[in-house]
Protein backbone atom coordinates (compact mmCIF):
# COMPACT_ATOMS: atom_id res chain seq x y z
CA SER A 1 6.26 -36.66 40.84
CA GLY A 2 6.03 -39.32 43.52
CA VAL A 3 4.79 -42.02 41.17
CA GLU A 4 7.35 -44.78 40.62
CA SER A 5 7.43 -47.15 37.67
CA ALA A 6 7.44 -50.02 40.18
CA PRO A 7 5.41 -49.03 43.28
CA GLY A 8 5.76 -52.50 44.79
CA LYS A 9 9.50 -52.01 45.26
CA LYS A 10 9.10 -49.50 48.09
CA ASP A 11 5.57 -50.34 49.21
CA PRO A 12 4.75 -54.05 48.80
CA PHE A 13 1.74 -53.70 51.11
CA ARG A 14 0.17 -51.06 48.88
CA LEU A 15 0.90 -53.21 45.84
CA ARG A 16 -0.81 -56.20 47.48
CA ALA A 17 -3.82 -54.08 48.38
CA PHE A 18 -3.96 -52.78 44.81
CA PHE A 19 -3.97 -56.26 43.33
CA ALA A 20 -6.59 -57.40 45.84
CA GLU A 21 -8.79 -54.49 44.80
CA VAL A 22 -8.34 -55.31 41.12
CA GLU A 23 -9.15 -58.96 41.73
CA GLN A 24 -12.30 -58.06 43.65
CA ALA A 25 -13.41 -55.60 40.97
CA ASP A 26 -12.81 -58.21 38.29
CA ARG A 27 -14.86 -60.75 40.22
CA THR A 28 -17.87 -58.43 40.54
CA LYS A 29 -17.79 -57.44 36.87
């Protein structure tokens, strides 16, 4: 299981990209 409870701890870039994707999806709702 490579899923961490806090993915941003080891991969802040991926976390930023995830939040950007969520924000974009929320905007086009």
